[in-house]
PDB file of N, CA and C in Angstrom:
ATOM      1  N   MET A   1      15.994   7.244  -0.526  1.00  0.00           N
ATOM      2  CA  MET A   1      15.053   8.103  -0.152  1.00  0.00           C
ATOM      3  C   MET A   1      15.085   7.703   1.619  1.00  0.00           C
ATOM      4  N   ASN A   2      15.291   8.952   2.336  1.00  0.00           N
ATOM      5  CA  ASN A   2      15.309   9.060   3.604  1.00  0.00           C
ATOM      6  C   ASN A   2      14.280   9.402   4.005  1.00  0.00           C
ATOM      7  N   LYS A   3      13.650   9.699   5.343  1.00  0.00           N
ATOM      8  CA  LYS A   3      12.166  10.034   6.027  1.00  0.00           C
ATOM      9  C   LYS A   3      11.797  11.518   5.481  1.00  0.00           C
ATOM     10  N   GLY A   4      12.776  12.480   5.306  1.00  0.00           N
ATOM     11  CA  GLY A   4      12.674  13.937   4.988  1.00  0.00           C
ATOM     12  C   GLY A   4      11.859  13.860   3.581  1.00  0.00           C
ATOM     13  N   GLU A   5      12.803  12.995   2.665  1.00  0.00           N
ATOM     14  CA  GLU A   5      12.035  12.949   1.040  1.00  0.00           C
ATOM     15  C   GLU A   5      10.995  12.355   1.019  1.00  0.00           C
ATOM     16  N   LEU A   6      10.768  11.546   1.889  1.00  0.00           N
ATOM     17  CA  LEU A   6       9.394  10.508   1.889  1.00  0.00           C
ATOM     18  C   LEU A   6       8.277  11.858   2.225  1.00  0.00           C
ATOM     19  N   VAL A   7       8.584  12.473   3.233  1.00  0.00           N
ATOM     20  CA  VAL A   7       7.588  13.475   3.831  1.00  0.00           C
ATOM     21  C   VAL A   7       7.306  14.407   2.818  1.00  0.00           C
ATOM     22  N   ASP A   8       8.212  14.871   2.015  1.00  0.00           N
ATOM     23  CA  ASP A   8       8.078  15.722   0.900  1.00  0.00           C
ATOM     24  C   ASP A   8       7.392  15.241  -0.339  1.00  0.00           C
ATOM     25  N   ALA A   9       7.518  13.813  -0.550  1.00  0.00           N
ATOM     26  CA  ALA A   9       6.625  13.246  -1.488  1.00  0.00           C
ATOM     27  C   ALA A   9       5.167  12.966  -1.146  1.00  0.00           C
ATOM     28  N   VAL A  10       4.892  12.882  -0.205  1.00  0.00           N
ATOM     29  CA  VAL A  10       3.852  12.653   0.498  1.00  0.00           C
ATOM     30  C   VAL A  10       3.025  13.696   0.278  1.00  0.00           C
ATOM     31  N   ALA A  11       3.687  14.616   0.937  1.00  0.00           N
ATOM     32  CA  ALA A  11       3.073  15.967   1.232  1.00  0.00           C
ATOM     33  C   ALA A  11       2.565  16.511  -0.247  1.00  0.00           C
ATOM     34  N   ALA A  12       3.392  16.415  -1.275  1.00  0.00           N
ATOM     35  CA  ALA A  12       3.104  16.946  -2.533  1.00  0.00           C
ATOM     36  C   ALA A  12       2.127  16.063  -3.076  1.00  0.00           C
ATOM     37  N   ARG A  13       1.887  14.736  -3.008  1.00  0.00           N
ATOM     38  CA  ARG A  13       0.946  13.683  -3.820  1.00  0.00           C
ATOM     39  C   ARG A  13      -0.547  13.991  -3.166  1.00  0.00           C
ATOM     40  N   ALA A  14      -0.369  14.128  -1.549  1.00  0.00           N
ATOM     41  CA  ALA A  14      -1.834  14.359  -1.042  1.00  0.00           C
ATOM     42  C   ALA A  14      -2.219  15.706  -0.679  1.00  0.00           C
ATOM     43  N   ASP A  15      -1.394  16.515  -1.194  1.00  0.00           N
ATOM     44  CA  ASP A  15      -1.940  18.124  -1.110  1.00  0.00           C
ATOM     45  C   ASP A  15      -1.748  18.593   0.203  1.00  0.00           C
ATOM     46  N   VAL A  16      -1.036  18.236   1.130  1.00  0.00           N
ATOM     47  CA  VAL A  16      -1.305  18.624   2.731  1.00  0.00           C
ATOM     48  C   VAL A  16       0.116  19.041   2.918  1.00  0.00           C
ATOM     49  N   THR A  17       0.473  19.750   4.023  1.00  0.00           N
ATOM     50  CA  THR A  17       1.496  20.279   4.871  1.00  0.00           C
ATOM     51  C   THR A  17       2.472  19.149   4.889  1.00  0.00           C
ATOM     52  N   LYS A  18       4.137  19.645   4.832  1.00  0.00           N
ATOM     53  CA  LYS A  18       4.838  18.770   5.148  1.00  0.00           C
ATOM     54  C   LYS A  18       4.581  18.286   6.872  1.00  0.00           C
ATOM     55  N   LYS A  19       4.324  19.196   7.555  1.00  0.00           N
ATOM     56  CA  LYS A  19       3.920  18.842   9.188  1.00  0.00           C
ATOM     57  C   LYS A  19       3.001  17.678   9.127  1.00  0.00           C
ATOM     58  N   GLN A  20       1.815  17.988   8.300  1.00  0.00           N
ATOM     59  CA  GLN A  20       0.555  16.739   8.334  1.00  0.00           C
ATOM     60  C   GLN A  20       1.215  15.526   7.806  1.00  0.00           C
ATOM     61  N   ALA A  21       2.093  15.784   6.609  1.00  0.00           N
ATOM     62  CA  ALA A  21       2.504  14.459   5.886  1.00  0.00           C
ATOM     63  C   ALA A  21       3.481  13.585   7.186  1.00  0.00           C
ATOM     64  N   ASP A  22       4.389  14.458   7.684  1.00  0.00           N
ATOM     65  CA  ASP A  22       5.315  13.886   9.101  1.00  0.00           C
ATOM     66  C   ASP A  22       4.522  12.986   9.946  1.00  0.00           C
ATOM     67  N   THR A  23       3.380  13.823  10.472  1.00  0.00           N
ATOM     68  CA  THR A  23       2.514  13.291  11.159  1.00  0.00           C
ATOM     69  C   THR A  23       2.220  11.884  11.241  1.00  0.00           C
ATOM     70  N   VAL A  24       1.372  12.030   9.694  1.00  0.00           N
ATOM     71  CA  VAL A  24       1.042  10.881   9.454  1.00  0.00           C
ATOM     72  C   VAL A  24       1.908   9.750   9.358  1.00  0.00           C
ATOM     73  N   ILE A  25       2.960   9.695   8.773  1.00  0.00           N
ATOM     74  CA  ILE A  25       3.973   8.691   8.349  1.00  0.00           C
ATOM     75  C   ILE A  25       4.306   8.378   9.509  1.00  0.00           C
ATOM     76  N   SER A  26       4.683   9.235  10.709  1.00  0.00           N
ATOM     77  CA  SER A  26       5.089   8.622  11.981  1.00  0.00           C
ATOM     78  C   SER A  26       4.198   7.742  12.773  1.00  0.00           C
ATOM     79  N   ALA A  27       2.988   8.206  12.481  1.00  0.00           N
ATOM     80  CA  ALA A  27       1.802   7.120  13.330  1.00  0.00           C
ATOM     81  C   ALA A  27       1.776   6.005  12.229  1.00  0.00           C
ATOM     82  N   VAL A  28       1.870   5.862  11.343  1.00  0.00           N
ATOM     83  CA  VAL A  28       1.746   4.631  10.464  1.00  0.00           C
ATOM     84  C   VAL A  28       2.879   4.009  10.897  1.00  0.00           C
ATOM     85  N   VAL A  29       4.146   4.204  10.841  1.00  0.00           N
ATOM     86  CA  VAL A  29       5.447   3.619  11.240  1.00  0.00           C
ATOM     87  C   VAL A  29       5.050   2.980  12.865  1.00  0.00           C
ATOM     88  N   GLU A  30       4.907   4.160  13.400  1.00  0.00           N
ATOM     89  CA  GLU A  30       4.902   3.649  14.995  1.00  0.00           C
ATOM     90  C   GLU A  30       3.685   2.513  14.869  1.00  0.00           C
ATOM     91  N   SER A  31       2.430   2.460  14.713  1.00  0.00           N
ATOM     92  CA  SER A  31       1.360   1.685  14.657  1.00  0.00           C
ATOM     93  C   SER A  31       1.810   0.336  14.206  1.00  0.00           C
ATOM     94  N   ILE A  32       2.564   0.179  13.088  1.00  0.00           N
ATOM     95  CA  ILE A  32       3.518  -0.978  12.319  1.00  0.00           C
ATOM     96  C   ILE A  32       4.200  -1.294  13.495  1.00  0.00           C
ATOM     97  N   MET A  33       5.051  -0.844  14.009  1.00  0.00           N
ATOM     98  CA  MET A  33       6.129  -1.230  15.092  1.00  0.00           C
ATOM     99  C   MET A  33       5.351  -1.681  16.203  1.00  0.00           C
ATOM    100  N   GLU A  34       4.250  -1.073  17.028  1.00  0.00           N
ATOM    101  CA  GLU A  34       3.489  -1.691  17.894  1.00  0.00           C
ATOM    102  C   GLU A  34       2.670  -3.073  17.374  1.00  0.00           C
ATOM    103  N   ALA A  35       2.207  -3.282  16.476  1.00  0.00           N
ATOM    104  CA  ALA A  35       1.240  -4.214  16.111  1.00  0.00           C
ATOM    105  C   ALA A  35       2.534  -5.588  16.061  1.00  0.00           C
ATOM    106  N   VAL A  36       3.429  -5.260  15.134  1.00  0.00           N
ATOM    107  CA  VAL A  36       4.447  -6.496  15.125  1.00  0.00           C
ATOM    108  C   VAL A  36       5.173  -6.814  16.341  1.00  0.00           C
ATOM    109  N   SER A  37       5.390  -6.020  17.344  1.00  0.00           N
ATOM    110  CA  SER A  37       6.096  -6.032  18.451  1.00  0.00           C
ATOM    111  C   SER A  37       5.346  -7.129  19.231  1.00  0.00           C
ATOM    112  N   SER A  38       3.833  -6.893  19.035  1.00  0.00           N
ATOM    113  CA  SER A  38       2.965  -7.476  20.154  1.00  0.00           C
ATOM    114  C   SER A  38       2.313  -8.635  19.138  1.00  0.00           C
ATOM    115  N   GLY A  39       3.143  -8.909  18.306  1.00  0.00           N
ATOM    116  CA  GLY A  39       2.989 -10.416  17.493  1.00  0.00           C
ATOM    117  C   GLY A  39       1.941 -10.742  16.398  1.00  0.00           C
ATOM    118  N   GLU A  40       1.375  -9.328  15.918  1.00  0.00           N
ATOM    119  CA  GLU A  40       0.263  -9.369  15.126  1.00  0.00           C
ATOM    120  C   GLU A  40       1.164  -9.108  13.834  1.00  0.00           C
ATOM    121  N   LYS A  41       0.317  -9.665  12.741  1.00  0.00           N
ATOM    122  CA  LYS A  41       1.062  -9.392  11.260  1.00  0.00           C
ATOM    123  C   LYS A  41      -0.022  -8.193  10.633  1.00  0.00           C
ATOM    124  N   VAL A  42       0.890  -7.374  10.303  1.00  0.00           N
ATOM    125  CA  VAL A  42       0.342  -6.036   9.332  1.00  0.00           C
ATOM    126  C   VAL A  42       0.284  -6.392   7.965  1.00  0.00           C
ATOM    127  N   THR A  43      -0.678  -6.251   7.049  1.00  0.00           N
ATOM    128  CA  THR A  43      -0.794  -6.451   5.648  1.00  0.00           C
ATOM    129  C   THR A  43      -1.079  -5.273   5.181  1.00  0.00           C
ATOM    130  N   LEU A  44      -0.673  -4.830   4.060  1.00  0.00           N
ATOM    131  CA  LEU A  44      -1.127  -3.674   3.326  1.00  0.00           C
ATOM    132  C   LEU A  44      -1.151  -4.353   1.718  1.00  0.00           C
ATOM    133  N   VAL A  45      -2.548  -4.494   1.220  1.00  0.00           N
ATOM    134  CA  VAL A  45      -2.561  -5.339   0.046  1.00  0.00           C
ATOM    135  C   VAL A  45      -1.928  -4.669  -1.076  1.00  0.00           C
ATOM    136  N   GLY A  46      -1.031  -5.157  -1.547  1.00  0.00           N
ATOM    137  CA  GLY A  46      -0.464  -4.712  -3.051  1.00  0.00           C
ATOM    138  C   GLY A  46       0.935  -4.294  -2.438  1.00  0.00           C
ATOM    139  N   PHE A  47       1.154  -3.716  -1.453  1.00  0.00           N
ATOM    140  CA  PHE A  47       2.545  -3.446  -0.955  1.00  0.00           C
ATOM    141  C   PHE A  47       3.464  -4.413  -0.280  1.00  0.00           C
ATOM    142  N   GLY A  48       2.671  -5.078   0.978  1.00  0.00           N
ATOM    143  CA  GLY A  48       3.740  -5.883   1.510  1.00  0.00           C
ATOM    144  C   GLY A  48       2.786  -6.288   3.250  1.00  0.00           C
ATOM    145  N   SER A  49       3.389  -7.299   3.686  1.00  0.00           N
ATOM    146  CA  SER A  49       3.430  -7.748   5.130  1.00  0.00           C
ATOM    147  C   SER A  49       4.433  -7.316   6.200  1.00  0.00           C
ATOM    148  N   PHE A  50       4.227  -7.250   7.060  1.00  0.00           N
ATOM    149  CA  PHE A  50       5.016  -6.867   8.035  1.00  0.00           C
ATOM    150  C   PHE A  50       4.620  -7.993   9.256  1.00  0.00           C
ATOM    151  N   GLU A  51       5.705  -8.678   9.887  1.00  0.00           N
ATOM    152  CA  GLU A  51       5.378  -9.665  10.631  1.00  0.00           C
ATOM    153  C   GLU A  51       6.581 -10.052  11.706  1.00  0.00           C
ATOM    154  N   SER A  52       6.402 -10.933  12.803  1.00  0.00           N
ATOM    155  CA  SER A  52       7.535 -11.027  13.714  1.00  0.00           C
ATOM    156  C   SER A  52       7.670 -12.339  13.485  1.00  0.00           C
ATOM    157  N   ARG A  53       9.069 -12.649  13.321  1.00  0.00           N
ATOM    158  CA  ARG A  53       9.174 -14.021  12.970  1.00  0.00           C
ATOM    159  C   ARG A  53      10.200 -14.805  14.148  1.00  0.00           C
ATOM    160  N   GLU A  54      10.507 -15.984  14.500  1.00  0.00           N
ATOM    161  CA  GLU A  54      11.161 -16.812  15.356  1.00  0.00           C
ATOM    162  C   GLU A  54      12.397 -16.857  14.585  1.00  0.00           C
ATOM    163  N   ARG A  55      13.574 -17.014  15.236  1.00  0.00           N
ATOM    164  CA  ARG A  55      14.899 -17.271  14.906  1.00  0.00           C
ATOM    165  C   ARG A  55      15.317 -18.154  15.890  1.00  0.00           C
ATOM    166  N   LYS A  56      15.741 -19.632  15.372  1.00  0.00           N
ATOM    167  CA  LYS A  56      15.934 -20.464  16.539  1.00  0.00           C
ATOM    168  C   LYS A  56      17.509 -20.327  16.624  1.00  0.00           C
ATOM    169  N   ALA A  57      17.551 -20.795  18.114  1.00  0.00           N
ATOM    170  CA  ALA A  57      19.125 -20.947  18.624  1.00  0.00           C
ATOM    171  C   ALA A  57      19.903 -21.633  17.527  1.00  0.00           C
ATOM    172  N   ARG A  58      21.278 -21.171  17.638  1.00  0.00           N
ATOM    173  CA  ARG A  58      21.952 -22.100  16.539  1.00  0.00           C
ATOM    174  C   ARG A  58      23.525 -21.628  17.144  1.00  0.00           C
ATOM    175  N   GLU A  59      24.513 -22.410  16.750  1.00  0.00           N
ATOM    176  CA  GLU A  59      25.904 -22.347  16.880  1.00  0.00           C
ATOM    177  C   GLU A  59      26.356 -21.232  15.891  1.00  0.00           C
ATOM    178  N   GLY A  60      27.175 -20.643  16.520  1.00  0.00           N
ATOM    179  CA  GLY A  60      27.876 -19.189  15.658  1.00  0.00           C
ATOM    180  C   GLY A  60      29.391 -19.247  16.059  1.00  0.00           C
ATOM    181  N   ARG A  61      30.352 -18.596  15.429  1.00  0.00           N
ATOM    182  CA  ARG A  61      31.671 -18.511  16.011  1.00  0.00           C
ATOM    183  C   ARG A  61      31.721 -16.897  15.860  1.00  0.00           C
ATOM    184  N   ASN A  62      32.789 -16.844  16.983  1.00  0.00           N
ATOM    185  CA  ASN A  62      33.362 -15.560  17.209  1.00  0.00           C
ATOM    186  C   ASN A  62      34.420 -15.048  16.329  1.00  0.00           C
ATOM    187  N   PRO A  63      33.758 -13.911  15.565  1.00  0.00           N
ATOM    188  CA  PRO A  63      34.598 -13.631  14.261  1.00  0.00           C
ATOM    189  C   PRO A  63      36.391 -13.347  14.757  1.00  0.00           C
ATOM    190  N   LYS A  64      36.471 -12.676  15.887  1.00  0.00           N
ATOM    191  CA  LYS A  64      37.590 -12.598  16.493  1.00  0.00           C
ATOM    192  C   LYS A  64      38.852 -13.713  16.834  1.00  0.00           C
ATOM    193  N   THR A  65      38.122 -14.504  17.465  1.00  0.00           N
ATOM    194  CA  THR A  65      38.939 -15.729  18.146  1.00  0.00           C
ATOM    195  C   THR A  65      38.616 -16.969  17.502  1.00  0.00           C
ATOM    196  N   GLY A  66      37.200 -16.906  16.487  1.00  0.00           N
ATOM    197  CA  GLY A  66      37.023 -18.352  15.767  1.00  0.00           C
ATOM    198  C   GLY A  66      36.333 -19.387  16.690  1.00  0.00           C
ATOM    199  N   GLU A  67      36.279 -18.730  18.019  1.00  0.00           N
ATOM    200  CA  GLU A  67      35.819 -20.021  19.023  1.00  0.00           C
ATOM    201  C   GLU A  67      34.043 -20.094  18.915  1.00  0.00           C
ATOM    202  N   LYS A  68      33.715 -21.272  18.954  1.00  0.00           N
ATOM    203  CA  LYS A  68      32.362 -21.370  18.969  1.00  0.00           C
ATOM    204  C   LYS A  68      31.553 -21.125  19.861  1.00  0.00           C
ATOM    205  N   MET A  69      30.257 -20.524  19.776  1.00  0.00           N
ATOM    206  CA  MET A  69      29.338 -19.953  20.673  1.00  0.00           C
ATOM    207  C   MET A  69      28.114 -20.192  20.302  1.00  0.00           C
ATOM    208  N   GLU A  70      27.170 -20.255  21.354  1.00  0.00           N
ATOM    209  CA  GLU A  70      25.643 -20.408  21.227  1.00  0.00           C
ATOM    210  C   GLU A  70      24.996 -19.176  20.866  1.00  0.00           C
ATOM    211  N   ILE A  71      24.148 -19.163  19.877  1.00  0.00           N
ATOM    212  CA  ILE A  71      23.506 -17.812  19.480  1.00  0.00           C
ATOM    213  C   ILE A  71      22.001 -18.117  20.259  1.00  0.00           C
ATOM    214  N   PRO A  72      21.455 -17.383  21.042  1.00  0.00           N
ATOM    215  CA  PRO A  72      20.366 -17.716  21.415  1.00  0.00           C
ATOM    216  C   PRO A  72      19.065 -17.421  20.293  1.00  0.00           C
ATOM    217  N   ALA A  73      17.855 -18.345  20.498  1.00  0.00           N
ATOM    218  CA  ALA A  73      16.690 -17.686  19.886  1.00  0.00           C
ATOM    219  C   ALA A  73      16.426 -16.558  20.003  1.00  0.00           C
ATOM    220  N   THR A  74      15.556 -15.967  19.015  1.00  0.00           N
ATOM    221  CA  THR A  74      15.166 -14.764  19.253  1.00  0.00           C
ATOM    222  C   THR A  74      13.819 -14.392  18.190  1.00  0.00           C
ATOM    223  N   LYS A  75      13.382 -13.125  18.427  1.00  0.00           N
ATOM    224  CA  LYS A  75      12.183 -12.753  17.476  1.00  0.00           C
ATOM    225  C   LYS A  75      13.048 -11.695  16.661  1.00  0.00           C
ATOM    226  N   VAL A  76      12.822 -11.776  15.011  1.00  0.00           N
ATOM    227  CA  VAL A  76      13.227 -10.685  14.478  1.00  0.00           C
ATOM    228  C   VAL A  76      11.821 -10.061  13.488  1.00  0.00           C
ATOM    229  N   PRO A  77      11.593  -8.817  13.201  1.00  0.00           N
ATOM    230  CA  PRO A  77      11.169  -8.138  12.424  1.00  0.00           C
ATOM    231  C   PRO A  77      10.951  -8.592  10.877  1.00  0.00           C
ATOM    232  N   ALA A  78      10.132  -8.965  10.368  1.00  0.00           N
ATOM    233  CA  ALA A  78      10.342  -9.451   8.864  1.00  0.00           C
ATOM    234  C   ALA A  78       9.336  -8.715   7.911  1.00  0.00           C
ATOM    235  N   PHE A  79       9.752  -8.229   6.651  1.00  0.00           N
ATOM    236  CA  PHE A  79       8.852  -8.025   5.734  1.00  0.00           C
ATOM    237  C   PHE A  79       8.936  -8.576   4.604  1.00  0.00           C
ATOM    238  N   SER A  80       7.670  -9.023   3.906  1.00  0.00           N
ATOM    239  CA  SER A  80       7.442  -9.633   2.385  1.00  0.00           C
ATOM    240  C   SER A  80       6.778  -8.794   1.624  1.00  0.00           C
ATOM    241  N   ALA A  81       7.303  -8.322   0.531  1.00  0.00           N
ATOM    242  CA  ALA A  81       6.610  -7.701  -0.245  1.00  0.00           C
ATOM    243  C   ALA A  81       5.452  -8.118  -0.994  1.00  0.00           C
ATOM    244  N   GLY A  82       4.481  -7.514  -1.314  1.00  0.00           N
ATOM    245  CA  GLY A  82       3.352  -7.641  -2.131  1.00  0.00           C
ATOM    246  C   GLY A  82       3.402  -8.045  -3.506  1.00  0.00           C
ATOM    247  N   LYS A  83       2.781  -8.417  -4.112  1.00  0.00           N
ATOM    248  CA  LYS A  83       2.549  -8.965  -5.533  1.00  0.00           C
ATOM    249  C   LYS A  83       2.888  -7.647  -6.480  1.00  0.00           C
ATOM    250  N   LEU A  84       1.905  -6.553  -6.071  1.00  0.00           N
ATOM    251  CA  LEU A  84       2.260  -5.132  -7.120  1.00  0.00           C
ATOM    252  C   LEU A  84       3.521  -4.747  -6.599  1.00  0.00           C
ATOM    253  N   PHE A  85       4.231  -4.725  -5.713  1.00  0.00           N
ATOM    254  CA  PHE A  85       5.398  -3.975  -5.264  1.00  0.00           C
ATOM    255  C   PHE A  85       6.641  -4.671  -6.145  1.00  0.00           C
ATOM    256  N   LYS A  86       6.205  -6.117  -6.286  1.00  0.00           N
ATOM    257  CA  LYS A  86       7.638  -6.796  -6.693  1.00  0.00           C
ATOM    258  C   LYS A  86       7.166  -6.689  -8.183  1.00  0.00           C
ATOM    259  N   GLU A  87       5.880  -6.483  -8.711  1.00  0.00           N
ATOM    260  CA  GLU A  87       5.802  -6.198 -10.140  1.00  0.00           C
ATOM    261  C   GLU A  87       6.388  -4.671 -10.616  1.00  0.00           C
ATOM    262  N   ARG A  88       6.502  -4.070  -9.523  1.00  0.00           N
ATOM    263  CA  ARG A  88       6.937  -2.621 -10.067  1.00  0.00           C
ATOM    264  C   ARG A  88       8.249  -2.743 -10.037  1.00  0.00           C
ATOM    265  N   VAL A  89       8.896  -3.305  -9.008  1.00  0.00           N
ATOM    266  CA  VAL A  89      10.616  -3.235  -9.095  1.00  0.00           C
ATOM    267  C   VAL A  89      10.900  -4.431 -10.299  1.00  0.00           C
ATOM    268  N   ALA A  90      10.409  -5.221 -10.222  1.00  0.00           N
ATOM    269  CA  ALA A  90      10.988  -6.321 -11.414  1.00  0.00           C
ATOM    270  C   ALA A  90       9.549  -6.626 -12.189  1.00  0.00           C
ATOM    271  N   PRO A  91       9.427  -5.725 -13.287  1.00  0.00           N
ATOM    272  CA  PRO A  91       8.106  -6.073 -14.103  1.00  0.00           C
ATOM    273  C   PRO A  91       8.332  -7.646 -14.849  1.00  0.00           C
ATOM    274  N   PRO A  92       7.339  -8.347 -14.677  1.00  0.00           N
ATOM    275  CA  PRO A  92       7.491  -9.498 -15.533  1.00  0.00           C
ATOM    276  C   PRO A  92       7.670  -9.232 -16.911  1.00  0.00           C
ATOM    277  N   LYS A  93       8.544 -10.610 -17.321  1.00  0.00           N
ATOM    278  CA  LYS A  93       9.110 -10.546 -18.917  1.00  0.00           C
ATOM    279  C   LYS A  93       7.976 -10.970 -19.341  1.00  0.00           C
ATOM    280  N   SER A  94       7.763 -10.598 -20.854  1.00  0.00           N
ATOM    281  CA  SER A  94       6.779 -11.283 -21.892  1.00  0.00           C
ATOM    282  C   SER A  94       7.180 -12.291 -22.544  1.00  0.00           C
TER     283      SER A  94
END
């Protein structure tokens, strides 16, 4: 599903126009990105959590030359699925 298909699905479920759905989805995504980039954790109960994680510096290899190189420490965005989301994707076995 791409953003256009998501907009269509949200517009149909929420009984709003596609333009309104697009505005809301864009605002939600932008708000999550702003919060995570400023170091906050965003938790949507049942869906999951978005946060920034530190990745330590490490040694890597240049794939072309095989030469060793130092990969610097960095921050990366991370998503952890919530319990409800996980259960929807892989229902517990009885």
